[in-house]
């Protein structure tokens, strides 16, 4: 898969990190855990790009907390 077609799971709303050392990456949309990034597992098994990718919404950065309580 070329870098232009590669999906970055870390930017997907369905991606998560598991506690399973053998399968540390997960996809909530597809319902599986994997030892590799989920989009790569999908491509390796089907030859197709992940069709469930959903870009995370960008949030505004929160201002730093100064620790002063009024």
Foldseek 3Di string as FASTA:
>chain_A
DDPVQDDDCVQFPQWDADPDPQFGIDGNVVPDTHNDHVQVVCCVVPVDGDPRGDGDDDDDDDDDDPPDDD
